[in-house]
Each structure stands twice: as structure tokens, then as C-alpha cells.
């Protein structure tokens, strides 16, 4: 057995060992990224203007997924629910009508809260809700769908709302309720009140559908600007803007 032969064997073994280490590194990187995305953080892109001017179409948002519990991927099973949503905080959730879509709205009502909107003004448990973030861009005020002035009408209105029967009814936009948010549910609205498809129309959000809370806008582009106007398309003033406290 020559020295050259031994050197070839050693080089071959070292090469295999290095390849093995590289493969293991790649596998562990994939596992860590998967775990981070599944349980810790996830990126979302804001697709519509329903949360203007807090969140704009084209905002890339990094969200904390563990805030409202850790979910076993693709099962809907949650554990370690550390926090419950707070009133007036922004939440990310699966759209109850189509669970293949993620929605971003603001939590307005908690379980047991009575929600009523009178001429675009929101009342929670009979008290005016201070909402500096709310935008009203349509000067029109739609009249109420029905006057809820008896216990019977209240009961019928509540049932119709919870069954999603207002989903195509514009008249609940500006005058709504009163309704009581059911147990283990929340009432959400977009900040762009006149152009937001939210709990007024399709009902309350089950807490089990909560996916997380937005932390920061890490990138933002203006979808209305052409690509070649890069200096205008990228919203530099929104980069790394904190959302969690909004």
C-alpha cells in the first residue's frame, strides 16, 4: 500500500465527512426556519386599504405568532395561549368566511361587550370609544337597516348578525347594533371605516382563528407607482415602523 493510496483514502473520507456536515447544516437550517415560521414570526403583505392609514397596501409586516397561542401547523390545535386580545389592538386572523385567507383588523369588542355604532361613532358598553386611528373618507351616512327598539328585535338582530346575514348589507356600515360579542369571540373593524369589510358585515371572529399580532413594517412599496420609479415606489419613511403599539 503506497503513501499516495493512503492519502487518496483520507482525502475521500474527509470529503464525505464535509459533505455530510454540509447536508446536516442545510437540514437544521430548514428545520429552524420552519419552526420560526410556524411558532414565532411570520411575514404578511397588506393587500387592501381597509386599515389605512395605520397599515397601507404594500406594507410588509412581521408578525408575532406566539402572542395568542402556539398552533400545531395545519391542525388548528393551539396550546400555551399566553395572552388574550386587547381592545383597540391590531390582530391577524383567519377570515371566518374563508379560512384560506388572512385578515388584519383592529379588535374593537371583547367577549361580553355590547357594540353599537350610531352615525359612524362607535360605542362599547354604552360609552363612546376614543378612536384617533379611525378614518372616515366617505361623507355619506347610511341609515340603519332596522330600528332595534324592542327586546324581540334585539334578539332577531343578534341572531342575524351572528349568522352572517349582513354580509352584503351596506346599511350596517354607519349604523349598527347593538349586539353582544359572544363568548370566545371578538369584534373587529378596519381603521378605514367606510371601506372596510369587517365584523359589522360577517359577524364575530372566533378566538381560535387568531394567528398573531403585527410587530413592525420591515418593508413597504406603493403598488400604484411604476417599477422604474424606485425612489417613489419604496416608502422609505415606513421602513421599520413599529406597529405593535398602534
Protein backbone atom coordinates (compact mmCIF):
# COMPACT_ATOMS: atom_id res chain seq x y z
CA UNK A 1 0.00 0.00 0.00
CA UNK A 2 1.61 3.22 -1.17
CA UNK A 3 1.62 6.57 0.59
CA UNK A 4 -0.32 8.09 -2.32
CA UNK A 5 -3.03 5.45 -1.94
CA UNK A 6 -3.44 6.26 1.75
CA UNK A 7 -3.62 9.96 1.00
CA UNK A 8 -6.38 9.31 -1.53
CA UNK A 9 -8.42 7.32 1.02
CA UNK A 10 -8.03 10.02 3.69
CA UNK A 11 -8.98 12.77 1.23
CA UNK A 12 -12.04 10.78 0.15
CA UNK A 13 -13.17 10.25 3.75
CA UNK A 14 -12.64 13.89 4.60
CA UNK A 15 -14.65 14.88 1.54
CA UNK A 16 -17.55 12.64 2.57
CA UNK A 17 -17.39 13.98 6.13
CA UNK A 18 -17.52 17.59 4.89
CA UNK A 19 -20.43 16.77 2.57
CA UNK A 20 -22.27 15.15 5.48
CA UNK A 21 -21.71 18.22 7.66
CA UNK A 22 -22.98 20.49 4.89
CA UNK A 23 -26.13 18.40 4.41
CA UNK A 24 -26.77 18.38 8.16
CA UNK A 25 -26.34 22.16 8.30
CA UNK A 26 -28.83 22.63 5.49
CA UNK A 27 -31.35 20.31 7.14
CA UNK A 28 -31.05 22.06 10.51
CA UNK A 29 -31.40 25.46 8.83
CA UNK A 30 -34.61 24.32 7.14
CA UNK A 31 -35.94 22.91 10.43
CA UNK A 32 -35.16 26.12 12.35
CA UNK A 33 -36.73 28.32 9.67
CA UNK A 34 -39.82 26.11 9.65
CA UNK A 35 -40.13 26.25 13.44
CA UNK A 36 -39.66 30.02 13.49
CA UNK A 37 -42.32 30.49 10.83
CA UNK A 38 -44.70 28.04 12.45
CA UNK A 39 -44.43 29.23 16.04
CA UNK A 40 -42.58 32.54 16.35
CA UNK A 41 -42.77 35.04 13.49
CA UNK A 42 -44.24 35.27 10.01
CA UNK A 43 -44.31 37.87 7.29
CA UNK A 44 -47.51 39.26 5.81
CA UNK A 45 -48.22 41.68 2.99
CA UNK A 46 -51.13 44.11 3.42
CA UNK A 47 -53.29 43.63 0.31
CA UNK A 48 -56.01 46.28 0.73
CA UNK A 49 -56.71 49.71 2.16
CA UNK A 50 -59.09 48.62 4.92
CA UNK A 51 -56.54 49.55 7.62
CA UNK A 52 -55.49 52.92 6.20
CA UNK A 53 -53.75 54.97 7.36
CA UNK A 54 -52.27 52.68 10.02
CA UNK A 55 -51.35 49.99 7.51
CA UNK A 56 -51.17 50.66 3.78
CA UNK A 57 -51.45 48.34 0.77
CA UNK A 58 -47.93 47.13 0.05
CA UNK A 59 -46.73 47.19 3.65
CA UNK A 60 -44.67 44.10 4.52
CA UNK A 61 -45.41 43.29 8.15
CA UNK A 62 -43.56 40.98 10.50
CA UNK A 63 -45.98 39.40 12.98
CA UNK A 64 -45.55 37.58 16.30
CA UNK A 65 -47.39 34.27 16.02
CA UNK A 66 -46.95 33.11 19.61
CA UNK A 67 -48.90 36.01 21.15
CA UNK A 68 -52.29 34.27 21.12
CA UNK A 69 -51.02 30.73 21.46
CA UNK A 70 -48.84 28.26 19.59
CA UNK A 71 -50.61 26.27 16.89
CA UNK A 72 -49.63 22.85 15.62
CA UNK A 73 -49.26 23.55 11.88
CA UNK A 74 -52.23 22.61 9.68
CA UNK A 75 -54.27 21.26 12.61
CA UNK A 76 -55.95 24.30 14.17
CA UNK A 77 -54.93 22.94 17.59
CA UNK A 78 -53.49 25.60 19.93
CA UNK A 79 -51.63 25.43 23.22
CA UNK A 80 -49.84 27.86 25.56
CA UNK A 81 -52.26 30.73 24.98
CA UNK A 82 -50.27 33.34 26.88
CA UNK A 83 -52.37 36.39 26.06
CA UNK A 84 -55.87 37.32 25.06
CA UNK A 85 -56.53 40.11 22.57
CA UNK A 86 -56.95 43.59 23.98
CA UNK A 87 -59.44 46.17 22.87
CA UNK A 88 -58.12 48.53 20.16
CA UNK A 89 -55.10 46.37 19.32
CA UNK A 90 -54.46 45.13 15.77
CA UNK A 91 -54.84 41.38 15.22
CA UNK A 92 -54.20 38.93 12.39
CA UNK A 93 -56.69 36.10 11.96
CA UNK A 94 -58.13 33.59 9.55
CA UNK A 95 -61.17 35.04 7.81
CA UNK A 96 -64.15 33.13 9.32
CA UNK A 97 -65.98 33.01 5.98
CA UNK A 98 -62.94 31.69 4.06
CA UNK A 99 -60.27 30.15 6.28
CA UNK A 100 -57.75 30.13 3.45
CA UNK A 101 -57.37 33.92 3.77
CA UNK A 102 -55.64 36.01 6.44
CA UNK A 103 -57.25 39.27 7.56
CA UNK A 104 -55.75 42.16 9.54
CA UNK A 105 -58.16 44.33 11.56
CA UNK A 106 -58.42 46.12 14.89
CA UNK A 107 -60.06 44.45 17.88
CA UNK A 108 -62.92 46.68 18.99
CA UNK A 109 -65.03 44.38 21.15
CA UNK A 110 -64.19 41.59 23.59
CA UNK A 111 -66.43 38.73 24.77
CA UNK A 112 -69.48 40.13 26.54
CA UNK A 113 -69.07 43.67 25.16
CA UNK A 114 -72.11 45.44 23.73
CA UNK A 115 -71.22 47.12 20.44
CA UNK A 116 -73.28 49.84 18.82
CA UNK A 117 -72.47 52.29 16.01
CA UNK A 118 -74.52 55.45 15.65
CA UNK A 119 -73.80 57.65 12.65
CA UNK A 120 -70.26 56.20 12.35
CA UNK A 121 -69.48 56.71 16.05
CA UNK A 122 -68.61 53.53 17.99
CA UNK A 123 -69.95 52.85 21.47
CA UNK A 124 -68.74 49.98 23.63
CA UNK A 125 -70.91 49.10 26.62
CA UNK A 126 -72.75 52.37 26.18
CA UNK A 127 -69.61 54.53 26.25
CA UNK A 128 -68.07 56.45 23.38
CA UNK A 129 -64.86 54.76 22.18
CA UNK A 130 -61.98 57.16 21.64
CA UNK A 131 -60.53 56.22 18.24
CA UNK A 132 -57.78 58.56 16.98
CA UNK A 133 -56.81 55.93 14.37
CA UNK A 134 -60.24 55.77 12.66
CA UNK A 135 -60.65 57.29 9.20
CA UNK A 136 -63.92 58.27 7.52
CA UNK A 137 -63.40 59.03 3.85
CA UNK A 138 -67.00 58.86 2.63
CA UNK A 139 -69.15 61.83 3.72
CA UNK A 140 -72.34 59.82 3.27
CA UNK A 141 -74.10 58.34 6.30
CA UNK A 142 -76.20 55.27 5.59
CA UNK A 143 -79.42 54.96 7.63
CA UNK A 144 -79.84 51.90 9.88
CA UNK A 145 -81.05 48.63 8.43
CA UNK A 146 -83.74 48.45 11.10
CA UNK A 147 -84.54 50.25 14.34
CA UNK A 148 -83.63 47.90 17.17
CA UNK A 149 -86.04 49.29 19.73
CA UNK A 150 -87.54 46.19 21.38
CA UNK A 151 -86.07 43.09 23.07
CA UNK A 152 -87.53 40.93 20.30
CA UNK A 153 -85.88 43.00 17.56
CA UNK A 154 -82.64 42.92 19.54
CA UNK A 155 -82.76 39.11 19.67
CA UNK A 156 -83.53 38.80 15.95
CA UNK A 157 -80.81 41.32 15.04
CA UNK A 158 -78.23 39.49 17.17
CA UNK A 159 -79.06 36.13 15.59
CA UNK A 160 -78.98 37.53 12.04
CA UNK A 161 -75.61 39.17 12.70
CA UNK A 162 -74.05 36.03 14.18
CA UNK A 163 -75.29 34.00 11.20
CA UNK A 164 -73.56 36.40 8.79
CA UNK A 165 -76.75 37.62 7.18
CA UNK A 166 -75.49 41.21 6.91
CA UNK A 167 -72.58 40.20 4.68
CA UNK A 168 -73.96 42.02 1.64
CA UNK A 169 -75.85 44.75 3.51
CA UNK A 170 -74.29 48.22 3.18
CA UNK A 171 -76.72 49.76 5.67
CA UNK A 172 -74.91 48.27 8.68
CA UNK A 173 -71.80 50.29 7.84
CA UNK A 174 -72.65 53.53 9.66
CA UNK A 175 -75.47 52.47 11.98
CA UNK A 176 -75.11 49.07 13.56
CA UNK A 177 -76.37 47.11 16.54
CA UNK A 178 -76.50 46.91 19.40
CA UNK A 179 -75.04 43.41 19.51
CA UNK A 180 -73.29 41.46 22.25
CA UNK A 181 -69.97 39.84 21.37
CA UNK A 182 -70.36 36.10 22.14
CA UNK A 183 -68.06 34.12 24.41
CA UNK A 184 -64.65 33.22 22.93
CA UNK A 185 -65.12 35.72 20.09
CA UNK A 186 -64.02 39.27 19.29
CA UNK A 187 -65.49 42.10 17.20
CA UNK A 188 -63.09 43.61 14.66
CA UNK A 189 -63.13 46.64 12.38
CA UNK A 190 -60.76 48.21 9.89
CA UNK A 191 -59.40 51.68 10.59
CA UNK A 192 -60.61 52.85 7.18
CA UNK A 193 -64.18 52.57 8.39
CA UNK A 194 -66.07 53.45 5.23
CA UNK A 195 -64.12 50.94 3.12
CA UNK A 196 -63.58 48.01 5.47
CA UNK A 197 -65.23 44.61 5.20
CA UNK A 198 -65.34 43.52 8.84
CA UNK A 199 -67.40 42.22 11.77
CA UNK A 200 -70.23 44.61 11.03
CA UNK A 201 -70.99 42.56 7.95
CA UNK A 202 -69.88 38.97 8.51
CA UNK A 203 -70.01 38.60 12.28
CA UNK A 204 -67.62 37.97 15.18
CA UNK A 205 -64.20 36.29 14.97
CA UNK A 206 -63.64 33.10 17.00
CA UNK A 207 -60.52 33.46 19.14
CA UNK A 208 -59.26 30.12 17.88
CA UNK A 209 -58.77 31.77 14.47
CA UNK A 210 -56.33 34.39 15.81
CA UNK A 211 -52.89 33.98 14.24
CA UNK A 212 -50.85 36.77 15.79
CA UNK A 213 -50.13 40.46 16.18
CA UNK A 214 -48.15 42.68 13.79
CA UNK A 215 -44.82 43.88 15.20
CA UNK A 216 -43.11 46.02 12.61
CA UNK A 217 -43.30 47.17 8.99
CA UNK A 218 -39.97 45.91 7.62
CA UNK A 219 -40.57 46.98 4.02
CA UNK A 220 -43.17 48.95 2.09
CA UNK A 221 -43.89 49.60 -1.57
CA UNK A 222 -46.52 51.73 -3.25
CA UNK A 223 -48.37 49.40 -5.67
CA UNK A 224 -49.59 52.40 -7.67
CA UNK A 225 -46.10 53.56 -8.57
CA UNK A 226 -44.32 52.03 -11.62
CA UNK A 227 -41.29 49.83 -11.01
CA UNK A 228 -38.89 52.18 -12.78
CA UNK A 229 -39.66 54.94 -10.25
CA UNK A 230 -37.92 53.04 -7.48
CA UNK A 231 -37.36 56.14 -5.35
CA UNK A 232 -41.12 56.68 -5.26
CA UNK A 233 -42.23 53.05 -5.18
CA UNK A 234 -40.36 52.26 -1.95
CA UNK A 235 -41.92 54.07 1.01
CA UNK A 236 -38.67 54.75 2.86
CA UNK A 237 -40.48 56.64 5.63
CA UNK A 238 -42.40 53.49 6.61
CA UNK A 239 -39.42 51.14 6.86
CA UNK A 240 -39.01 49.61 10.34
CA UNK A 241 -42.09 51.39 11.66
CA UNK A 242 -43.37 49.83 14.88
CA UNK A 243 -46.96 48.53 14.60
CA UNK A 244 -47.39 46.64 17.89
CA UNK A 245 -48.17 49.81 19.83
CA UNK A 246 -50.57 51.21 17.19
